[in-house]
Amino acid sequence: MTPQLGVLLDACQQHARYLLAAQGRLPAPVTAAGISARDDDLVAALDQFAYRFTRLQDTLGGRVFRRLLVEHFGEPYEDSSLRDVVDRLEKLGVIASAERWSQIRAMRNTLAHDYPETAEEKAAAIELAREMAREMASMLDGMRAITNRTVPGPAAH
């Protein structure tokens, strides 16, 4: 693993740790009534959850995925679209589904821009995001495992 990739994975690990901690402070399930009550502790936990979800998704999709392909697998994806990068990661088994990643990206936008209007829609979005948070943490664990194994890349030829 290159030092740059290691630093990015470490940053993602920190985001994932704080994301899952914030998730642990949320009631299970998050309800419309809970959101409507505007409890300070719930709002703080939701804010932290949304922030770390967004940061983890942005860092994975915006920096780690491409770097993993280029630096670890030695594949020429420097100038490829994110969709091409995600499709390739799916084919390599790094992520389970390119389509699911697109859904996680859409949830990131929902959380970052307050799209849900009603308390019911917000509660439903948070519950789905909780599942996606666990999926991103699992993806990160998988990438850590992959980068800790020796895989033929440009330096290994």
N, C-alpha and C. Protein backbone atom coordinates (compact mmCIF):
# COMPACT_ATOMS: atom_id res chain seq x y z
N MET A 1 0.85 -1.18 0.00
CA MET A 1 0.00 0.00 0.00
C MET A 1 0.89 1.23 0.00
N THR A 2 0.54 2.19 -0.84
CA THR A 2 1.31 3.43 -0.88
C THR A 2 1.00 4.27 0.35
N PRO A 3 1.92 5.14 0.74
CA PRO A 3 1.65 6.00 1.90
C PRO A 3 0.40 6.87 1.71
N GLN A 4 0.19 7.38 0.50
CA GLN A 4 -0.98 8.24 0.26
C GLN A 4 -2.27 7.46 0.44
N LEU A 5 -2.33 6.24 -0.08
CA LEU A 5 -3.52 5.42 0.07
C LEU A 5 -3.74 5.08 1.54
N GLY A 6 -2.67 4.81 2.25
CA GLY A 6 -2.77 4.52 3.68
C GLY A 6 -3.34 5.69 4.47
N VAL A 7 -2.90 6.90 4.14
CA VAL A 7 -3.42 8.10 4.81
C VAL A 7 -4.91 8.26 4.54
N LEU A 8 -5.32 8.05 3.31
CA LEU A 8 -6.73 8.16 2.97
C LEU A 8 -7.57 7.10 3.67
N LEU A 9 -7.07 5.88 3.72
CA LEU A 9 -7.81 4.82 4.42
C LEU A 9 -7.88 5.11 5.91
N ASP A 10 -6.82 5.67 6.48
CA ASP A 10 -6.85 6.06 7.89
C ASP A 10 -7.91 7.14 8.13
N ALA A 11 -7.99 8.12 7.24
CA ALA A 11 -9.00 9.17 7.36
C ALA A 11 -10.40 8.58 7.28
N CYS A 12 -10.59 7.65 6.35
CA CYS A 12 -11.89 6.99 6.24
C CYS A 12 -12.21 6.19 7.49
N GLN A 13 -11.21 5.54 8.05
CA GLN A 13 -11.42 4.77 9.28
C GLN A 13 -11.89 5.68 10.41
N GLN A 14 -11.31 6.86 10.50
CA GLN A 14 -11.73 7.82 11.52
C GLN A 14 -13.17 8.27 11.26
N HIS A 15 -13.50 8.60 10.03
CA HIS A 15 -14.88 8.98 9.70
C HIS A 15 -15.85 7.85 10.05
N ALA A 16 -15.49 6.63 9.71
CA ALA A 16 -16.36 5.48 9.98
C ALA A 16 -16.54 5.28 11.48
N ARG A 17 -15.47 5.43 12.24
CA ARG A 17 -15.57 5.26 13.69
C ARG A 17 -16.52 6.29 14.30
N TYR A 18 -16.37 7.55 13.90
CA TYR A 18 -17.26 8.59 14.42
C TYR A 18 -18.68 8.44 13.89
N LEU A 19 -18.82 8.00 12.66
CA LEU A 19 -20.14 7.76 12.08
C LEU A 19 -20.89 6.69 12.87
N LEU A 20 -20.22 5.58 13.12
CA LEU A 20 -20.87 4.49 13.85
C LEU A 20 -21.13 4.87 15.30
N ALA A 21 -20.26 5.70 15.88
CA ALA A 21 -20.51 6.18 17.25
C ALA A 21 -21.74 7.08 17.28
N ALA A 22 -21.86 7.97 16.30
CA ALA A 22 -23.04 8.84 16.22
C ALA A 22 -24.29 7.99 16.00
N GLN A 23 -24.17 6.98 15.17
CA GLN A 23 -25.30 6.09 14.93
C GLN A 23 -25.73 5.42 16.23
N GLY A 24 -24.77 5.06 17.05
CA GLY A 24 -25.08 4.43 18.33
C GLY A 24 -25.80 5.36 19.30
N ARG A 25 -25.68 6.66 19.09
CA ARG A 25 -26.38 7.62 19.95
C ARG A 25 -27.78 7.94 19.44
N LEU A 26 -28.13 7.42 18.28
CA LEU A 26 -29.47 7.63 17.75
C LEU A 26 -30.43 6.61 18.34
N PRO A 27 -31.68 7.01 18.57
CA PRO A 27 -32.65 6.01 19.01
C PRO A 27 -32.90 5.00 17.89
N ALA A 28 -33.29 3.81 18.28
CA ALA A 28 -33.57 2.78 17.27
C ALA A 28 -35.03 2.38 17.40
N PRO A 29 -35.83 2.69 16.44
CA PRO A 29 -35.55 3.44 15.23
C PRO A 29 -35.71 4.94 15.46
N VAL A 30 -35.19 5.72 14.53
CA VAL A 30 -35.47 7.16 14.52
C VAL A 30 -36.90 7.29 14.00
N THR A 31 -37.71 8.05 14.71
CA THR A 31 -39.12 8.19 14.34
C THR A 31 -39.44 9.63 13.97
N ALA A 32 -40.56 9.80 13.30
CA ALA A 32 -41.04 11.14 12.95
C ALA A 32 -41.30 11.94 14.22
N ALA A 33 -41.86 11.29 15.23
CA ALA A 33 -42.14 11.98 16.50
C ALA A 33 -40.84 12.44 17.15
N GLY A 34 -39.82 11.60 17.11
CA GLY A 34 -38.53 11.98 17.67
C GLY A 34 -37.92 13.17 16.95
N ILE A 35 -38.01 13.17 15.63
CA ILE A 35 -37.47 14.28 14.85
C ILE A 35 -38.27 15.55 15.12
N SER A 36 -39.57 15.42 15.21
CA SER A 36 -40.43 16.59 15.45
C SER A 36 -40.20 17.20 16.82
N ALA A 37 -39.76 16.40 17.79
CA ALA A 37 -39.53 16.89 19.15
C ALA A 37 -38.33 17.83 19.24
N ARG A 38 -37.41 17.73 18.29
CA ARG A 38 -36.23 18.60 18.22
C ARG A 38 -35.40 18.58 19.51
N ASP A 39 -35.25 17.39 20.05
CA ASP A 39 -34.42 17.20 21.23
C ASP A 39 -32.97 17.55 20.88
N ASP A 40 -32.31 18.35 21.74
CA ASP A 40 -30.95 18.81 21.45
C ASP A 40 -29.97 17.66 21.26
N ASP A 41 -30.07 16.62 22.08
CA ASP A 41 -29.15 15.49 21.95
C ASP A 41 -29.38 14.74 20.64
N LEU A 42 -30.64 14.57 20.25
CA LEU A 42 -30.94 13.90 18.99
C LEU A 42 -30.44 14.73 17.81
N VAL A 43 -30.67 16.02 17.86
CA VAL A 43 -30.21 16.89 16.77
C VAL A 43 -28.69 16.83 16.65
N ALA A 44 -27.99 16.85 17.77
CA ALA A 44 -26.53 16.78 17.74
C ALA A 44 -26.06 15.44 17.16
N ALA A 45 -26.70 14.35 17.55
CA ALA A 45 -26.33 13.04 17.03
C ALA A 45 -26.65 12.94 15.54
N LEU A 46 -27.79 13.48 15.12
CA LEU A 46 -28.15 13.47 13.70
C LEU A 46 -27.18 14.32 12.88
N ASP A 47 -26.81 15.47 13.41
CA ASP A 47 -25.85 16.32 12.71
C ASP A 47 -24.51 15.61 12.54
N GLN A 48 -24.03 14.98 13.60
CA GLN A 48 -22.76 14.26 13.54
C GLN A 48 -22.86 13.08 12.57
N PHE A 49 -23.97 12.36 12.64
CA PHE A 49 -24.18 11.23 11.75
C PHE A 49 -24.16 11.70 10.29
N ALA A 50 -24.93 12.74 9.97
CA ALA A 50 -25.00 13.24 8.59
C ALA A 50 -23.64 13.74 8.12
N TYR A 51 -22.92 14.46 8.99
CA TYR A 51 -21.61 14.99 8.61
C TYR A 51 -20.64 13.86 8.31
N ARG A 52 -20.55 12.88 9.19
CA ARG A 52 -19.58 11.79 8.99
C ARG A 52 -19.99 10.87 7.85
N PHE A 53 -21.28 10.68 7.63
CA PHE A 53 -21.75 9.91 6.49
C PHE A 53 -21.27 10.58 5.21
N THR A 54 -21.48 11.88 5.14
CA THR A 54 -21.09 12.65 3.97
C THR A 54 -19.58 12.61 3.76
N ARG A 55 -18.82 12.82 4.82
CA ARG A 55 -17.36 12.81 4.71
C ARG A 55 -16.83 11.44 4.28
N LEU A 56 -17.37 10.38 4.86
CA LEU A 56 -16.91 9.04 4.49
C LEU A 56 -17.25 8.74 3.04
N GLN A 57 -18.46 9.04 2.64
CA GLN A 57 -18.85 8.78 1.26
C GLN A 57 -18.02 9.62 0.29
N ASP A 58 -17.82 10.88 0.60
CA ASP A 58 -17.02 11.76 -0.27
C ASP A 58 -15.58 11.27 -0.40
N THR A 59 -14.99 10.88 0.71
CA THR A 59 -13.58 10.46 0.68
C THR A 59 -13.42 9.13 -0.05
N LEU A 60 -14.32 8.19 0.22
CA LEU A 60 -14.25 6.91 -0.50
C LEU A 60 -14.44 7.13 -2.00
N GLY A 61 -15.54 7.76 -2.37
CA GLY A 61 -15.87 7.92 -3.78
C GLY A 61 -14.99 8.91 -4.51
N GLY A 62 -14.60 9.96 -3.83
CA GLY A 62 -13.84 11.02 -4.48
C GLY A 62 -12.35 10.81 -4.52
N ARG A 63 -11.82 9.99 -3.63
CA ARG A 63 -10.37 9.87 -3.56
C ARG A 63 -9.87 8.43 -3.46
N VAL A 64 -10.48 7.65 -2.58
CA VAL A 64 -9.95 6.31 -2.30
C VAL A 64 -10.17 5.36 -3.46
N PHE A 65 -11.37 5.32 -4.02
CA PHE A 65 -11.66 4.33 -5.06
C PHE A 65 -10.69 4.41 -6.23
N ARG A 66 -10.51 5.60 -6.75
CA ARG A 66 -9.61 5.78 -7.90
C ARG A 66 -8.17 5.43 -7.52
N ARG A 67 -7.74 5.92 -6.37
CA ARG A 67 -6.36 5.67 -5.93
C ARG A 67 -6.13 4.18 -5.71
N LEU A 68 -7.12 3.49 -5.21
CA LEU A 68 -7.00 2.05 -5.01
C LEU A 68 -6.78 1.34 -6.34
N LEU A 69 -7.56 1.71 -7.34
CA LEU A 69 -7.39 1.10 -8.66
C LEU A 69 -6.02 1.41 -9.27
N VAL A 70 -5.63 2.66 -9.21
CA VAL A 70 -4.39 3.09 -9.86
C VAL A 70 -3.17 2.60 -9.09
N GLU A 71 -3.12 2.87 -7.81
CA GLU A 71 -1.91 2.59 -7.03
C GLU A 71 -1.81 1.15 -6.55
N HIS A 72 -2.93 0.57 -6.19
CA HIS A 72 -2.85 -0.78 -5.63
C HIS A 72 -2.96 -1.85 -6.72
N PHE A 73 -3.93 -1.68 -7.61
CA PHE A 73 -4.14 -2.67 -8.66
C PHE A 73 -3.36 -2.37 -9.93
N GLY A 74 -2.79 -1.15 -10.03
CA GLY A 74 -2.02 -0.79 -11.21
C GLY A 74 -2.86 -0.64 -12.47
N GLU A 75 -4.10 -0.22 -12.30
CA GLU A 75 -5.00 -0.08 -13.45
C GLU A 75 -5.08 1.38 -13.88
N PRO A 76 -5.26 1.62 -15.17
CA PRO A 76 -5.23 2.99 -15.72
C PRO A 76 -6.57 3.73 -15.59
N TYR A 77 -6.93 4.10 -14.38
CA TYR A 77 -8.22 4.76 -14.15
C TYR A 77 -8.06 6.20 -13.66
N GLU A 78 -6.90 6.81 -13.90
CA GLU A 78 -6.65 8.17 -13.44
C GLU A 78 -7.68 9.16 -13.97
N ASP A 79 -8.05 9.02 -15.23
CA ASP A 79 -8.93 9.98 -15.89
C ASP A 79 -10.32 9.41 -16.19
N SER A 80 -10.65 8.29 -15.60
CA SER A 80 -11.94 7.66 -15.86
C SER A 80 -13.04 8.31 -15.02
N SER A 81 -14.26 8.15 -15.49
CA SER A 81 -15.41 8.66 -14.73
C SER A 81 -15.57 7.85 -13.45
N LEU A 82 -16.23 8.45 -12.47
CA LEU A 82 -16.48 7.73 -11.22
C LEU A 82 -17.31 6.48 -11.50
N ARG A 83 -18.25 6.56 -12.40
CA ARG A 83 -19.06 5.38 -12.74
C ARG A 83 -18.18 4.24 -13.24
N ASP A 84 -17.20 4.55 -14.11
CA ASP A 84 -16.29 3.52 -14.60
C ASP A 84 -15.44 2.95 -13.47
N VAL A 85 -15.00 3.81 -12.58
CA VAL A 85 -14.20 3.38 -11.42
C VAL A 85 -15.03 2.43 -10.55
N VAL A 86 -16.25 2.82 -10.24
CA VAL A 86 -17.11 2.01 -9.38
C VAL A 86 -17.45 0.68 -10.06
N ASP A 87 -17.73 0.72 -11.36
CA ASP A 87 -18.00 -0.52 -12.09
C ASP A 87 -16.81 -1.47 -12.02
N ARG A 88 -15.60 -0.93 -12.16
CA ARG A 88 -14.40 -1.77 -12.11
C ARG A 88 -14.21 -2.35 -10.71
N LEU A 89 -14.45 -1.54 -9.68
CA LEU A 89 -14.33 -2.05 -8.31
C LEU A 89 -15.32 -3.17 -8.04
N GLU A 90 -16.50 -3.06 -8.62
CA GLU A 90 -17.48 -4.14 -8.49
C GLU A 90 -16.96 -5.41 -9.15
N LYS A 91 -16.41 -5.28 -10.36
CA LYS A 91 -15.88 -6.45 -11.07
C LYS A 91 -14.73 -7.11 -10.31
N LEU A 92 -13.94 -6.29 -9.62
CA LEU A 92 -12.82 -6.82 -8.83
C LEU A 92 -13.27 -7.38 -7.49
N GLY A 93 -14.54 -7.16 -7.12
CA GLY A 93 -15.05 -7.65 -5.85
C GLY A 93 -14.73 -6.75 -4.67
N VAL A 94 -14.26 -5.54 -4.94
CA VAL A 94 -13.94 -4.60 -3.86
C VAL A 94 -15.21 -4.05 -3.25
N ILE A 95 -16.19 -3.75 -4.09
CA ILE A 95 -17.51 -3.35 -3.60
C ILE A 95 -18.52 -4.35 -4.13
N ALA A 96 -19.61 -4.52 -3.41
CA ALA A 96 -20.60 -5.53 -3.79
C ALA A 96 -21.41 -5.11 -5.01
N SER A 97 -21.70 -3.81 -5.13
CA SER A 97 -22.59 -3.39 -6.19
C SER A 97 -22.37 -1.92 -6.56
N ALA A 98 -22.15 -1.68 -7.83
CA ALA A 98 -22.03 -0.30 -8.31
C ALA A 98 -23.35 0.44 -8.13
N GLU A 99 -24.45 -0.27 -8.33
CA GLU A 99 -25.77 0.34 -8.16
C GLU A 99 -25.99 0.75 -6.70
N ARG A 100 -25.56 -0.09 -5.78
CA ARG A 100 -25.73 0.26 -4.36
C ARG A 100 -24.88 1.49 -4.04
N TRP A 101 -23.69 1.58 -4.61
CA TRP A 101 -22.87 2.77 -4.37
C TRP A 101 -23.60 4.02 -4.87
N SER A 102 -24.28 3.92 -5.99
CA SER A 102 -25.06 5.06 -6.51
C SER A 102 -26.16 5.44 -5.52
N GLN A 103 -26.77 4.46 -4.89
CA GLN A 103 -27.80 4.73 -3.89
C GLN A 103 -27.19 5.40 -2.65
N ILE A 104 -26.01 4.95 -2.26
CA ILE A 104 -25.32 5.58 -1.12
C ILE A 104 -24.97 7.02 -1.46
N ARG A 105 -24.54 7.26 -2.68
CA ARG A 105 -24.23 8.62 -3.13
C ARG A 105 -25.49 9.50 -3.09
N ALA A 106 -26.59 8.96 -3.53
CA ALA A 106 -27.85 9.71 -3.49
C ALA A 106 -28.25 10.03 -2.04
N MET A 107 -28.02 9.07 -1.15
CA MET A 107 -28.33 9.33 0.27
C MET A 107 -27.42 10.41 0.82
N ARG A 108 -26.17 10.41 0.41
CA ARG A 108 -25.25 11.47 0.83
C ARG A 108 -25.82 12.83 0.44
N ASN A 109 -26.32 12.94 -0.77
CA ASN A 109 -26.90 14.20 -1.22
C ASN A 109 -28.15 14.55 -0.41
N THR A 110 -28.95 13.56 -0.10
CA THR A 110 -30.14 13.78 0.71
C THR A 110 -29.77 14.32 2.09
N LEU A 111 -28.80 13.70 2.72
CA LEU A 111 -28.38 14.13 4.06
C LEU A 111 -27.71 15.49 4.04
N ALA A 112 -26.92 15.75 3.02
CA ALA A 112 -26.16 17.00 2.96
C ALA A 112 -27.04 18.19 2.62
N HIS A 113 -28.15 17.95 1.92
CA HIS A 113 -28.95 19.07 1.43
C HIS A 113 -30.36 19.11 1.99
N ASP A 114 -30.64 18.33 3.03
CA ASP A 114 -31.96 18.36 3.69
C ASP A 114 -33.11 18.20 2.71
N TYR A 115 -33.04 17.22 1.82
CA TYR A 115 -34.10 17.01 0.85
C TYR A 115 -35.42 16.56 1.47
N PRO A 116 -35.43 15.62 2.42
CA PRO A 116 -36.74 15.20 2.93
C PRO A 116 -37.45 16.38 3.59
N GLU A 117 -38.71 16.53 3.27
CA GLU A 117 -39.48 17.67 3.77
C GLU A 117 -40.16 17.35 5.09
N THR A 118 -40.82 16.20 5.18
CA THR A 118 -41.60 15.88 6.37
C THR A 118 -40.76 15.09 7.37
N ALA A 119 -41.21 15.11 8.60
CA ALA A 119 -40.53 14.34 9.65
C ALA A 119 -40.54 12.85 9.32
N GLU A 120 -41.62 12.37 8.72
CA GLU A 120 -41.71 10.95 8.34
C GLU A 120 -40.66 10.61 7.28
N GLU A 121 -40.50 11.49 6.28
CA GLU A 121 -39.50 11.27 5.24
C GLU A 121 -38.09 11.33 5.81
N LYS A 122 -37.86 12.25 6.73
CA LYS A 122 -36.53 12.36 7.36
C LYS A 122 -36.21 11.11 8.15
N ALA A 123 -37.19 10.63 8.93
CA ALA A 123 -36.97 9.42 9.73
C ALA A 123 -36.66 8.22 8.82
N ALA A 124 -37.43 8.08 7.74
CA ALA A 124 -37.19 6.97 6.82
C ALA A 124 -35.81 7.07 6.19
N ALA A 125 -35.40 8.28 5.82
CA ALA A 125 -34.08 8.48 5.22
C ALA A 125 -32.97 8.12 6.21
N ILE A 126 -33.12 8.53 7.46
CA ILE A 126 -32.11 8.22 8.48
C ILE A 126 -32.01 6.72 8.69
N GLU A 127 -33.13 6.04 8.74
CA GLU A 127 -33.10 4.58 8.93
C GLU A 127 -32.39 3.89 7.78
N LEU A 128 -32.64 4.32 6.55
CA LEU A 128 -31.93 3.75 5.40
C LEU A 128 -30.45 4.12 5.45
N ALA A 129 -30.15 5.33 5.83
CA ALA A 129 -28.75 5.76 5.93
C ALA A 129 -27.99 4.96 6.98
N ARG A 130 -28.66 4.55 8.05
CA ARG A 130 -28.00 3.72 9.07
C ARG A 130 -27.49 2.42 8.46
N GLU A 131 -28.33 1.80 7.64
CA GLU A 131 -27.93 0.56 6.97
C GLU A 131 -26.75 0.83 6.03
N MET A 132 -26.83 1.94 5.31
CA MET A 132 -25.77 2.29 4.37
C MET A 132 -24.46 2.62 5.09
N ALA A 133 -24.55 3.20 6.27
CA ALA A 133 -23.35 3.50 7.06
C ALA A 133 -22.61 2.21 7.40
N ARG A 134 -23.36 1.21 7.80
CA ARG A 134 -22.74 -0.09 8.10
C ARG A 134 -22.12 -0.69 6.84
N GLU A 135 -22.78 -0.51 5.70
CA GLU A 135 -22.24 -1.02 4.44
C GLU A 135 -20.93 -0.33 4.09
N MET A 136 -20.88 0.99 4.26
CA MET A 136 -19.62 1.70 3.95
C MET A 136 -18.51 1.26 4.88
N ALA A 137 -18.82 1.05 6.16
CA ALA A 137 -17.80 0.57 7.10
C ALA A 137 -17.30 -0.80 6.68
N SER A 138 -18.20 -1.64 6.21
CA SER A 138 -17.82 -2.97 5.73
C SER A 138 -16.96 -2.87 4.47
N MET A 139 -17.32 -1.96 3.55
CA MET A 139 -16.49 -1.74 2.35
C MET A 139 -15.08 -1.33 2.75
N LEU A 140 -15.00 -0.43 3.71
CA LEU A 140 -13.71 0.06 4.17
C LEU A 140 -12.89 -1.09 4.77
N ASP A 141 -13.53 -1.94 5.56
CA ASP A 141 -12.83 -3.11 6.11
C ASP A 141 -12.30 -4.00 4.99
N GLY A 142 -13.11 -4.19 3.95
CA GLY A 142 -12.68 -5.00 2.81
C GLY A 142 -11.49 -4.39 2.08
N MET A 143 -11.52 -3.05 1.91
CA MET A 143 -10.39 -2.39 1.25
C MET A 143 -9.13 -2.50 2.09
N ARG A 144 -9.28 -2.40 3.41
CA ARG A 144 -8.12 -2.58 4.29
C ARG A 144 -7.54 -3.97 4.12
N ALA A 145 -8.40 -4.97 4.08
CA ALA A 145 -7.93 -6.35 3.92
C ALA A 145 -7.23 -6.54 2.58
N ILE A 146 -7.80 -5.97 1.53
CA ILE A 146 -7.20 -6.08 0.19
C ILE A 146 -5.83 -5.42 0.16
N THR A 147 -5.72 -4.24 0.72
CA THR A 147 -4.44 -3.52 0.65
C THR A 147 -3.39 -4.12 1.57
N ASN A 148 -3.81 -4.92 2.52
CA ASN A 148 -2.84 -5.59 3.38
C ASN A 148 -2.32 -6.88 2.77
N ARG A 149 -2.94 -7.33 1.67
CA ARG A 149 -2.45 -8.50 0.93
C ARG A 149 -1.56 -8.01 -0.20
N THR A 150 -0.69 -8.86 -0.66
CA THR A 150 0.15 -8.51 -1.81
C THR A 150 -0.63 -8.81 -3.08
N VAL A 151 -0.86 -7.78 -3.86
CA VAL A 151 -1.56 -7.92 -5.13
C VAL A 151 -0.63 -7.41 -6.21
N PRO A 152 -0.47 -8.14 -7.30
CA PRO A 152 0.39 -7.63 -8.36
C PRO A 152 -0.09 -6.27 -8.84
N GLY A 153 0.77 -5.31 -8.78
CA GLY A 153 0.51 -3.97 -9.28
C GLY A 153 1.71 -3.52 -10.07
N PRO A 154 1.82 -2.25 -10.37
CA PRO A 154 2.93 -1.78 -11.20
C PRO A 154 4.28 -2.03 -10.55
N ALA A 155 4.37 -1.94 -9.22
CA ALA A 155 5.66 -2.11 -8.55
C ALA A 155 6.06 -3.59 -8.47
N ALA A 156 5.09 -4.49 -8.64
CA ALA A 156 5.37 -5.91 -8.47
C ALA A 156 5.77 -6.59 -9.78
N HIS A 157 5.73 -5.89 -10.89
CA HIS A 157 6.02 -6.51 -12.18
C HIS A 157 7.50 -6.65 -12.40
